[in-house]
Amino acid sequence: MPHSTVNLAIEAVRYFLANGKPLPRPDNLGNEFNEKSAVFVSIKQNKNLRGCIGSITPKTQNLGNEIILNAVKAATKDPRFPPISKLELSNLTFSVDVLTPLEAIEGLSNHNPKKYGLVVKNGSKSGLLLPDLEGVKTAEKQLEICKKKAGISASESVEMFRFQVKRYY
């Protein structure tokens, strides 16, 4: 039976925690897993974020490998949280966001934070916020959080890019 994106993320974390190395890419993945896409994997415990890591642009040759890489990083390398343990796994929920390519935007006038995620860049600093997040109701709020995440002051100018996601639970 073909994998779902979320099942692959869970399997990748479970395998890594048991074996200390990345899950080999399963053979029975559907064709959609051969596409090259940027991905974010979010892990929650009781609706609270427990880990989230992803890529703005793809780091591997296909979606299957991108999910495996970012699922393990979200579980073990998110600097905001301690690494996830085997005992926690059954109490966690996973979601996978597959990103569309970035599109440069000049301003926020037509930007809907429910529909679009946002990336800001200033020199080597960049910040990203996924779309449709709880508590982020305006484009201005999304921009404010992106700048803060990137360590860019509110008064500094930034290049802005938007993207859409397919979110899988």
N, C-alpha and C. Protein backbone atom coordinates (compact mmCIF):
# COMPACT_ATOMS: atom_id res chain seq x y z
N MET A 1 0.85 -1.20 0.00
CA MET A 1 0.00 0.00 0.00
C MET A 1 0.88 1.25 0.00
N PRO A 2 0.57 2.24 -0.84
CA PRO A 2 1.39 3.46 -0.89
C PRO A 2 1.35 4.21 0.44
N HIS A 3 2.42 4.91 0.73
CA HIS A 3 2.52 5.71 1.95
C HIS A 3 1.77 7.02 1.79
N SER A 4 1.29 7.54 2.91
CA SER A 4 0.85 8.93 2.92
C SER A 4 2.04 9.76 3.38
N THR A 5 2.00 11.05 3.13
CA THR A 5 3.10 11.91 3.56
C THR A 5 3.28 11.87 5.07
N VAL A 6 2.17 11.88 5.80
CA VAL A 6 2.24 11.87 7.27
C VAL A 6 2.76 10.54 7.78
N ASN A 7 2.29 9.43 7.21
CA ASN A 7 2.79 8.12 7.64
C ASN A 7 4.29 8.00 7.40
N LEU A 8 4.76 8.54 6.27
CA LEU A 8 6.20 8.49 5.98
C LEU A 8 6.98 9.30 7.02
N ALA A 9 6.45 10.46 7.41
CA ALA A 9 7.13 11.29 8.42
C ALA A 9 7.21 10.55 9.76
N ILE A 10 6.12 9.94 10.17
CA ILE A 10 6.09 9.19 11.44
C ILE A 10 7.04 8.01 11.37
N GLU A 11 6.99 7.28 10.27
CA GLU A 11 7.86 6.11 10.10
C GLU A 11 9.33 6.53 10.13
N ALA A 12 9.65 7.68 9.52
CA ALA A 12 11.03 8.18 9.48
C ALA A 12 11.53 8.48 10.89
N VAL A 13 10.70 9.10 11.71
CA VAL A 13 11.10 9.43 13.09
C VAL A 13 11.22 8.15 13.91
N ARG A 14 10.25 7.28 13.80
CA ARG A 14 10.27 6.01 14.55
C ARG A 14 11.55 5.22 14.21
N TYR A 15 11.86 5.13 12.93
CA TYR A 15 13.05 4.39 12.48
C TYR A 15 14.33 5.03 13.02
N PHE A 16 14.40 6.37 12.93
CA PHE A 16 15.59 7.07 13.40
C PHE A 16 15.79 6.87 14.91
N LEU A 17 14.72 6.97 15.68
CA LEU A 17 14.83 6.81 17.13
C LEU A 17 15.24 5.38 17.50
N ALA A 18 14.83 4.41 16.70
CA ALA A 18 15.17 3.01 16.98
C ALA A 18 16.57 2.64 16.49
N ASN A 19 17.02 3.24 15.38
CA ASN A 19 18.24 2.79 14.71
C ASN A 19 19.36 3.83 14.66
N GLY A 20 19.05 5.09 15.00
CA GLY A 20 20.07 6.13 15.00
C GLY A 20 20.57 6.53 13.62
N LYS A 21 19.81 6.18 12.59
CA LYS A 21 20.17 6.57 11.22
C LYS A 21 18.89 6.79 10.43
N PRO A 22 18.99 7.53 9.31
CA PRO A 22 17.78 7.83 8.54
C PRO A 22 17.14 6.59 7.93
N LEU A 23 15.82 6.64 7.83
CA LEU A 23 15.04 5.59 7.17
C LEU A 23 15.46 5.52 5.70
N PRO A 24 15.80 4.33 5.19
CA PRO A 24 16.02 4.23 3.74
C PRO A 24 14.69 4.52 3.03
N ARG A 25 14.75 5.21 1.91
CA ARG A 25 13.52 5.57 1.19
C ARG A 25 12.77 4.30 0.79
N PRO A 26 11.52 4.14 1.26
CA PRO A 26 10.75 2.94 0.90
C PRO A 26 10.53 2.84 -0.60
N ASP A 27 10.45 1.60 -1.09
CA ASP A 27 10.27 1.36 -2.53
C ASP A 27 8.84 1.61 -2.99
N ASN A 28 7.87 1.47 -2.09
CA ASN A 28 6.47 1.51 -2.51
C ASN A 28 5.84 2.90 -2.42
N LEU A 29 6.63 3.95 -2.56
CA LEU A 29 6.07 5.30 -2.55
C LEU A 29 5.43 5.59 -3.90
N GLY A 30 4.35 6.33 -3.90
CA GLY A 30 3.68 6.70 -5.15
C GLY A 30 4.50 7.69 -5.95
N ASN A 31 4.07 7.92 -7.19
CA ASN A 31 4.79 8.83 -8.11
C ASN A 31 4.91 10.25 -7.57
N GLU A 32 3.90 10.69 -6.76
CA GLU A 32 3.96 12.06 -6.24
C GLU A 32 5.18 12.26 -5.34
N PHE A 33 5.73 11.18 -4.79
CA PHE A 33 6.90 11.28 -3.93
C PHE A 33 8.20 11.44 -4.74
N ASN A 34 8.11 11.35 -6.07
CA ASN A 34 9.30 11.53 -6.91
C ASN A 34 9.51 12.99 -7.30
N GLU A 35 8.49 13.83 -7.10
CA GLU A 35 8.61 15.25 -7.41
C GLU A 35 9.63 15.88 -6.47
N LYS A 36 10.21 16.99 -6.92
CA LYS A 36 11.15 17.74 -6.08
C LYS A 36 10.38 18.88 -5.44
N SER A 37 10.28 18.87 -4.10
CA SER A 37 9.50 19.89 -3.41
C SER A 37 10.12 20.22 -2.07
N ALA A 38 9.94 21.47 -1.65
CA ALA A 38 10.32 21.87 -0.30
C ALA A 38 9.20 21.42 0.64
N VAL A 39 9.58 21.08 1.87
CA VAL A 39 8.64 20.48 2.81
C VAL A 39 8.91 20.99 4.22
N PHE A 40 7.86 21.18 4.99
CA PHE A 40 7.96 21.42 6.43
C PHE A 40 7.22 20.30 7.14
N VAL A 41 7.83 19.77 8.18
CA VAL A 41 7.18 18.77 9.02
C VAL A 41 6.97 19.41 10.39
N SER A 42 5.73 19.40 10.85
CA SER A 42 5.37 19.94 12.16
C SER A 42 4.93 18.79 13.06
N ILE A 43 5.38 18.85 14.30
CA ILE A 43 5.02 17.83 15.28
C ILE A 43 4.39 18.55 16.46
N LYS A 44 3.23 18.06 16.89
CA LYS A 44 2.53 18.70 18.01
C LYS A 44 2.20 17.67 19.09
N GLN A 45 2.13 18.18 20.31
CA GLN A 45 1.71 17.38 21.46
C GLN A 45 0.60 18.17 22.14
N ASN A 46 -0.59 17.59 22.21
CA ASN A 46 -1.75 18.29 22.77
C ASN A 46 -1.96 19.66 22.11
N LYS A 47 -1.86 19.71 20.80
CA LYS A 47 -2.05 20.92 19.99
C LYS A 47 -0.95 21.98 20.17
N ASN A 48 0.06 21.69 21.00
CA ASN A 48 1.19 22.61 21.17
C ASN A 48 2.36 22.14 20.32
N LEU A 49 3.05 23.09 19.69
CA LEU A 49 4.18 22.75 18.84
C LEU A 49 5.25 22.03 19.65
N ARG A 50 5.78 20.95 19.10
CA ARG A 50 6.83 20.16 19.75
C ARG A 50 8.09 20.09 18.88
N GLY A 51 7.93 20.44 17.60
CA GLY A 51 9.05 20.48 16.67
C GLY A 51 8.54 20.86 15.30
N CYS A 52 9.32 21.66 14.57
CA CYS A 52 8.95 22.03 13.21
C CYS A 52 10.21 22.45 12.48
N ILE A 53 10.51 21.73 11.43
CA ILE A 53 11.67 22.07 10.60
C ILE A 53 11.32 21.76 9.16
N GLY A 54 11.86 22.56 8.27
CA GLY A 54 11.62 22.33 6.86
C GLY A 54 12.62 23.07 6.01
N SER A 55 12.30 23.12 4.73
CA SER A 55 13.19 23.74 3.76
C SER A 55 12.41 24.72 2.90
N ILE A 56 13.04 25.86 2.62
CA ILE A 56 12.42 26.87 1.74
C ILE A 56 12.54 26.42 0.29
N THR A 57 13.66 25.79 -0.02
CA THR A 57 13.87 25.17 -1.33
C THR A 57 14.29 23.73 -1.07
N PRO A 58 14.00 22.81 -1.99
CA PRO A 58 14.32 21.40 -1.76
C PRO A 58 15.82 21.17 -1.54
N LYS A 59 16.13 20.31 -0.57
CA LYS A 59 17.52 19.98 -0.24
C LYS A 59 17.90 18.59 -0.75
N THR A 60 16.91 17.79 -1.17
CA THR A 60 17.16 16.43 -1.64
C THR A 60 16.55 16.29 -3.04
N GLN A 61 16.74 15.10 -3.62
CA GLN A 61 16.31 14.92 -5.01
C GLN A 61 14.82 14.66 -5.18
N ASN A 62 14.07 14.38 -4.08
CA ASN A 62 12.64 14.12 -4.25
C ASN A 62 11.87 14.30 -2.94
N LEU A 63 10.55 14.36 -3.08
CA LEU A 63 9.67 14.61 -1.95
C LEU A 63 9.80 13.55 -0.86
N GLY A 64 9.93 12.29 -1.24
CA GLY A 64 10.08 11.22 -0.24
C GLY A 64 11.28 11.46 0.66
N ASN A 65 12.42 11.74 0.07
CA ASN A 65 13.64 11.99 0.85
C ASN A 65 13.53 13.28 1.66
N GLU A 66 12.86 14.28 1.11
CA GLU A 66 12.69 15.57 1.80
C GLU A 66 11.86 15.39 3.07
N ILE A 67 10.81 14.58 2.98
CA ILE A 67 9.97 14.30 4.16
C ILE A 67 10.78 13.56 5.22
N ILE A 68 11.53 12.55 4.82
CA ILE A 68 12.34 11.76 5.76
C ILE A 68 13.34 12.68 6.46
N LEU A 69 14.06 13.49 5.70
CA LEU A 69 15.07 14.40 6.26
C LEU A 69 14.45 15.38 7.26
N ASN A 70 13.37 16.05 6.86
CA ASN A 70 12.80 17.10 7.71
C ASN A 70 12.01 16.54 8.89
N ALA A 71 11.45 15.34 8.77
CA ALA A 71 10.77 14.72 9.90
C ALA A 71 11.77 14.43 11.01
N VAL A 72 12.91 13.87 10.64
CA VAL A 72 13.94 13.56 11.64
C VAL A 72 14.49 14.85 12.26
N LYS A 73 14.72 15.87 11.45
CA LYS A 73 15.21 17.15 11.98
C LYS A 73 14.18 17.79 12.91
N ALA A 74 12.90 17.75 12.55
CA ALA A 74 11.86 18.33 13.40
C ALA A 74 11.80 17.61 14.75
N ALA A 75 12.05 16.31 14.75
CA ALA A 75 11.98 15.52 15.97
C ALA A 75 13.23 15.64 16.83
N THR A 76 14.37 15.93 16.20
CA THR A 76 15.64 15.85 16.95
C THR A 76 16.49 17.11 16.92
N LYS A 77 16.23 18.06 16.01
CA LYS A 77 17.13 19.19 15.83
C LYS A 77 16.49 20.56 15.98
N ASP A 78 15.19 20.62 16.31
CA ASP A 78 14.58 21.93 16.49
C ASP A 78 15.17 22.55 17.75
N PRO A 79 15.89 23.68 17.62
CA PRO A 79 16.59 24.25 18.78
C PRO A 79 15.66 24.76 19.88
N ARG A 80 14.38 24.89 19.58
CA ARG A 80 13.43 25.39 20.59
C ARG A 80 12.98 24.31 21.57
N PHE A 81 13.25 23.04 21.24
CA PHE A 81 12.73 21.93 22.04
C PHE A 81 13.78 20.85 22.24
N PRO A 82 13.66 20.09 23.34
CA PRO A 82 14.54 18.92 23.48
C PRO A 82 14.16 17.86 22.44
N PRO A 83 15.08 16.99 22.07
CA PRO A 83 14.74 15.93 21.10
C PRO A 83 13.59 15.06 21.60
N ILE A 84 12.80 14.59 20.66
CA ILE A 84 11.67 13.72 20.98
C ILE A 84 12.20 12.34 21.36
N SER A 85 11.56 11.73 22.35
CA SER A 85 11.95 10.38 22.78
C SER A 85 10.98 9.35 22.21
N LYS A 86 11.40 8.09 22.21
CA LYS A 86 10.54 6.99 21.74
C LYS A 86 9.23 6.94 22.54
N LEU A 87 9.32 7.22 23.84
CA LEU A 87 8.13 7.14 24.70
C LEU A 87 7.06 8.17 24.32
N GLU A 88 7.49 9.31 23.77
CA GLU A 88 6.55 10.38 23.41
C GLU A 88 5.78 10.10 22.12
N LEU A 89 6.38 9.31 21.25
CA LEU A 89 5.87 9.18 19.88
C LEU A 89 4.37 8.92 19.79
N SER A 90 3.83 8.05 20.62
CA SER A 90 2.41 7.71 20.51
C SER A 90 1.50 8.87 20.90
N ASN A 91 2.03 9.89 21.56
CA ASN A 91 1.22 11.05 21.98
C ASN A 91 1.38 12.25 21.06
N LEU A 92 2.03 12.07 19.92
CA LEU A 92 2.31 13.20 19.03
C LEU A 92 1.47 13.12 17.77
N THR A 93 1.18 14.30 17.21
CA THR A 93 0.52 14.36 15.90
C THR A 93 1.48 15.05 14.94
N PHE A 94 1.45 14.60 13.70
CA PHE A 94 2.34 15.11 12.66
C PHE A 94 1.52 15.76 11.56
N SER A 95 2.07 16.80 10.96
CA SER A 95 1.52 17.34 9.72
C SER A 95 2.68 17.63 8.79
N VAL A 96 2.41 17.54 7.49
CA VAL A 96 3.42 17.78 6.47
C VAL A 96 2.88 18.84 5.52
N ASP A 97 3.66 19.90 5.33
CA ASP A 97 3.32 20.96 4.38
C ASP A 97 4.26 20.87 3.19
N VAL A 98 3.69 20.66 2.00
CA VAL A 98 4.47 20.63 0.76
C VAL A 98 4.32 22.00 0.12
N LEU A 99 5.44 22.70 -0.08
CA LEU A 99 5.42 24.09 -0.54
C LEU A 99 5.45 24.20 -2.05
N THR A 100 4.76 25.22 -2.56
CA THR A 100 4.90 25.59 -3.96
C THR A 100 6.18 26.43 -4.08
N PRO A 101 6.71 26.61 -5.29
CA PRO A 101 7.89 27.48 -5.43
C PRO A 101 7.60 28.91 -4.95
N LEU A 102 8.64 29.59 -4.45
CA LEU A 102 8.51 30.96 -3.95
C LEU A 102 8.17 31.92 -5.09
N GLU A 103 7.33 32.92 -4.76
CA GLU A 103 6.93 33.96 -5.70
C GLU A 103 7.22 35.31 -5.05
N ALA A 104 8.06 36.13 -5.68
CA ALA A 104 8.39 37.45 -5.13
C ALA A 104 7.15 38.32 -5.11
N ILE A 105 6.99 39.09 -4.01
CA ILE A 105 5.89 40.05 -3.92
C ILE A 105 6.45 41.41 -3.51
N GLU A 106 5.81 42.47 -3.95
CA GLU A 106 6.28 43.83 -3.67
C GLU A 106 5.73 44.39 -2.36
N GLY A 107 4.56 43.94 -1.98
CA GLY A 107 3.94 44.46 -0.76
C GLY A 107 2.90 43.48 -0.26
N LEU A 108 2.18 43.91 0.77
CA LEU A 108 1.22 43.02 1.42
C LEU A 108 -0.22 43.27 1.00
N SER A 109 -0.45 44.20 0.05
CA SER A 109 -1.82 44.60 -0.27
C SER A 109 -2.69 43.43 -0.73
N ASN A 110 -2.16 42.49 -1.48
CA ASN A 110 -2.94 41.35 -1.94
C ASN A 110 -2.52 40.05 -1.26
N HIS A 111 -1.89 40.16 -0.10
CA HIS A 111 -1.37 38.97 0.58
C HIS A 111 -2.34 38.50 1.66
N ASN A 112 -2.78 37.26 1.54
CA ASN A 112 -3.72 36.67 2.48
C ASN A 112 -2.98 35.61 3.31
N PRO A 113 -2.75 35.85 4.61
CA PRO A 113 -1.97 34.92 5.43
C PRO A 113 -2.68 33.58 5.69
N LYS A 114 -3.96 33.50 5.38
CA LYS A 114 -4.66 32.21 5.47
C LYS A 114 -4.29 31.33 4.28
N LYS A 115 -4.07 31.97 3.13
CA LYS A 115 -3.80 31.25 1.88
C LYS A 115 -2.30 31.10 1.60
N TYR A 116 -1.50 32.11 1.96
CA TYR A 116 -0.09 32.13 1.61
C TYR A 116 0.82 32.15 2.83
N GLY A 117 1.91 31.40 2.74
CA GLY A 117 3.00 31.54 3.68
C GLY A 117 3.87 32.69 3.22
N LEU A 118 4.80 33.13 4.08
CA LEU A 118 5.63 34.28 3.78
C LEU A 118 7.08 33.99 4.13
N VAL A 119 7.98 34.42 3.24
CA VAL A 119 9.42 34.37 3.48
C VAL A 119 9.94 35.79 3.37
N VAL A 120 10.75 36.20 4.33
CA VAL A 120 11.41 37.50 4.26
C VAL A 120 12.91 37.28 4.24
N LYS A 121 13.61 38.15 3.48
CA LYS A 121 15.07 38.06 3.40
C LYS A 121 15.67 39.46 3.50
N ASN A 122 16.78 39.53 4.22
CA ASN A 122 17.57 40.75 4.31
C ASN A 122 19.01 40.28 4.46
N GLY A 123 19.79 40.39 3.37
CA GLY A 123 21.15 39.88 3.39
C GLY A 123 21.15 38.38 3.63
N SER A 124 21.90 37.93 4.63
CA SER A 124 21.97 36.49 4.91
C SER A 124 20.86 36.03 5.87
N LYS A 125 20.07 36.97 6.37
CA LYS A 125 18.99 36.62 7.30
C LYS A 125 17.70 36.32 6.54
N SER A 126 17.01 35.27 6.98
CA SER A 126 15.70 34.98 6.39
C SER A 126 14.80 34.36 7.44
N GLY A 127 13.50 34.58 7.26
CA GLY A 127 12.50 34.01 8.15
C GLY A 127 11.31 33.54 7.35
N LEU A 128 10.65 32.52 7.84
CA LEU A 128 9.52 31.93 7.14
C LEU A 128 8.39 31.67 8.12
N LEU A 129 7.18 31.88 7.65
CA LEU A 129 6.00 31.51 8.43
C LEU A 129 5.02 30.82 7.48
N LEU A 130 4.57 29.65 7.90
CA LEU A 130 3.60 28.89 7.11
C LEU A 130 2.26 29.61 7.11
N PRO A 131 1.40 29.34 6.12
CA PRO A 131 0.08 29.98 6.08
C PRO A 131 -0.89 29.36 7.07
N ASP A 132 -1.96 30.08 7.31
CA ASP A 132 -3.11 29.58 8.06
C ASP A 132 -2.72 29.08 9.45
N LEU A 133 -1.95 29.89 10.18
CA LEU A 133 -1.56 29.53 11.54
C LEU A 133 -2.46 30.23 12.54
N GLU A 134 -2.75 29.54 13.61
CA GLU A 134 -3.61 30.08 14.67
C GLU A 134 -3.00 31.37 15.22
N GLY A 135 -3.81 32.40 15.36
CA GLY A 135 -3.35 33.67 15.92
C GLY A 135 -2.74 34.63 14.90
N VAL A 136 -2.58 34.18 13.65
CA VAL A 136 -2.02 35.05 12.61
C VAL A 136 -3.14 35.38 11.63
N LYS A 137 -3.79 36.54 11.89
CA LYS A 137 -4.98 36.89 11.11
C LYS A 137 -4.71 37.94 10.03
N THR A 138 -3.59 38.67 10.14
CA THR A 138 -3.31 39.71 9.15
C THR A 138 -1.95 39.49 8.52
N ALA A 139 -1.80 40.05 7.31
CA ALA A 139 -0.52 39.98 6.60
C ALA A 139 0.56 40.72 7.40
N GLU A 140 0.18 41.81 8.05
CA GLU A 140 1.14 42.59 8.84
C GLU A 140 1.68 41.78 10.02
N LYS A 141 0.80 41.03 10.66
CA LYS A 141 1.23 40.18 11.78
C LYS A 141 2.17 39.08 11.28
N GLN A 142 1.85 38.50 10.13
CA GLN A 142 2.70 37.46 9.54
C GLN A 142 4.08 38.03 9.23
N LEU A 143 4.13 39.24 8.67
CA LEU A 143 5.40 39.90 8.38
C LEU A 143 6.18 40.17 9.66
N GLU A 144 5.50 40.66 10.68
CA GLU A 144 6.15 40.97 11.96
C GLU A 144 6.81 39.70 12.56
N ILE A 145 6.09 38.58 12.53
CA ILE A 145 6.63 37.33 13.08
C ILE A 145 7.81 36.83 12.23
N CYS A 146 7.68 36.93 10.92
CA CYS A 146 8.78 36.50 10.03
C CYS A 146 10.06 37.29 10.31
N LYS A 147 9.92 38.60 10.43
CA LYS A 147 11.10 39.44 10.71
C LYS A 147 11.72 39.07 12.05
N LYS A 148 10.89 38.87 13.06
CA LYS A 148 11.38 38.52 14.39
C LYS A 148 12.13 37.18 14.34
N LYS A 149 11.57 36.19 13.64
CA LYS A 149 12.21 34.89 13.52
C LYS A 149 13.58 35.00 12.84
N ALA A 150 13.69 35.94 11.90
CA ALA A 150 14.93 36.11 11.14
C ALA A 150 15.95 36.98 11.86
N GLY A 151 15.54 37.62 12.95
CA GLY A 151 16.44 38.55 13.62
C GLY A 151 16.59 39.86 12.86
N ILE A 152 15.53 40.23 12.14
CA ILE A 152 15.51 41.48 11.37
C ILE A 152 14.64 42.47 12.14
N SER A 153 15.15 43.68 12.35
CA SER A 153 14.37 44.65 13.13
C SER A 153 13.14 45.09 12.33
N ALA A 154 12.13 45.56 13.05
CA ALA A 154 10.86 45.96 12.43
C ALA A 154 11.06 47.06 11.39
N SER A 155 12.07 47.93 11.58
CA SER A 155 12.26 49.06 10.67
C SER A 155 13.08 48.70 9.42
N GLU A 156 13.74 47.55 9.43
CA GLU A 156 14.56 47.17 8.27
C GLU A 156 13.70 46.71 7.11
N SER A 157 14.15 47.02 5.89
CA SER A 157 13.42 46.58 4.70
C SER A 157 13.80 45.13 4.39
N VAL A 158 12.89 44.44 3.72
CA VAL A 158 13.11 43.04 3.38
C VAL A 158 12.59 42.75 1.98
N GLU A 159 13.17 41.72 1.38
CA GLU A 159 12.56 41.13 0.19
C GLU A 159 11.51 40.18 0.70
N MET A 160 10.36 40.11 0.01
CA MET A 160 9.28 39.24 0.45
C MET A 160 8.91 38.26 -0.66
N PHE A 161 8.60 37.04 -0.22
CA PHE A 161 8.19 35.99 -1.13
C PHE A 161 7.00 35.26 -0.51
N ARG A 162 6.07 34.85 -1.34
CA ARG A 162 4.95 34.08 -0.82
C ARG A 162 4.95 32.69 -1.45
N PHE A 163 4.23 31.80 -0.81
CA PHE A 163 4.10 30.44 -1.30
C PHE A 163 2.80 29.87 -0.76
N GLN A 164 2.33 28.82 -1.39
CA GLN A 164 1.17 28.09 -0.90
C GLN A 164 1.64 26.73 -0.43
N VAL A 165 0.81 26.04 0.32
CA VAL A 165 1.14 24.70 0.77
C VAL A 165 -0.03 23.76 0.54
N LYS A 166 0.31 22.50 0.39
CA LYS A 166 -0.67 21.42 0.54
C LYS A 166 -0.36 20.85 1.91
N ARG A 167 -1.32 20.94 2.81
CA ARG A 167 -1.10 20.50 4.20
C ARG A 167 -1.76 19.14 4.38
N TYR A 168 -0.97 18.22 4.90
CA TYR A 168 -1.45 16.86 5.15
C TYR A 168 -1.39 16.59 6.65
N TYR A 169 -2.46 16.00 7.20
CA TYR A 169 -2.52 15.67 8.63
C TYR A 169 -2.50 14.17 8.80
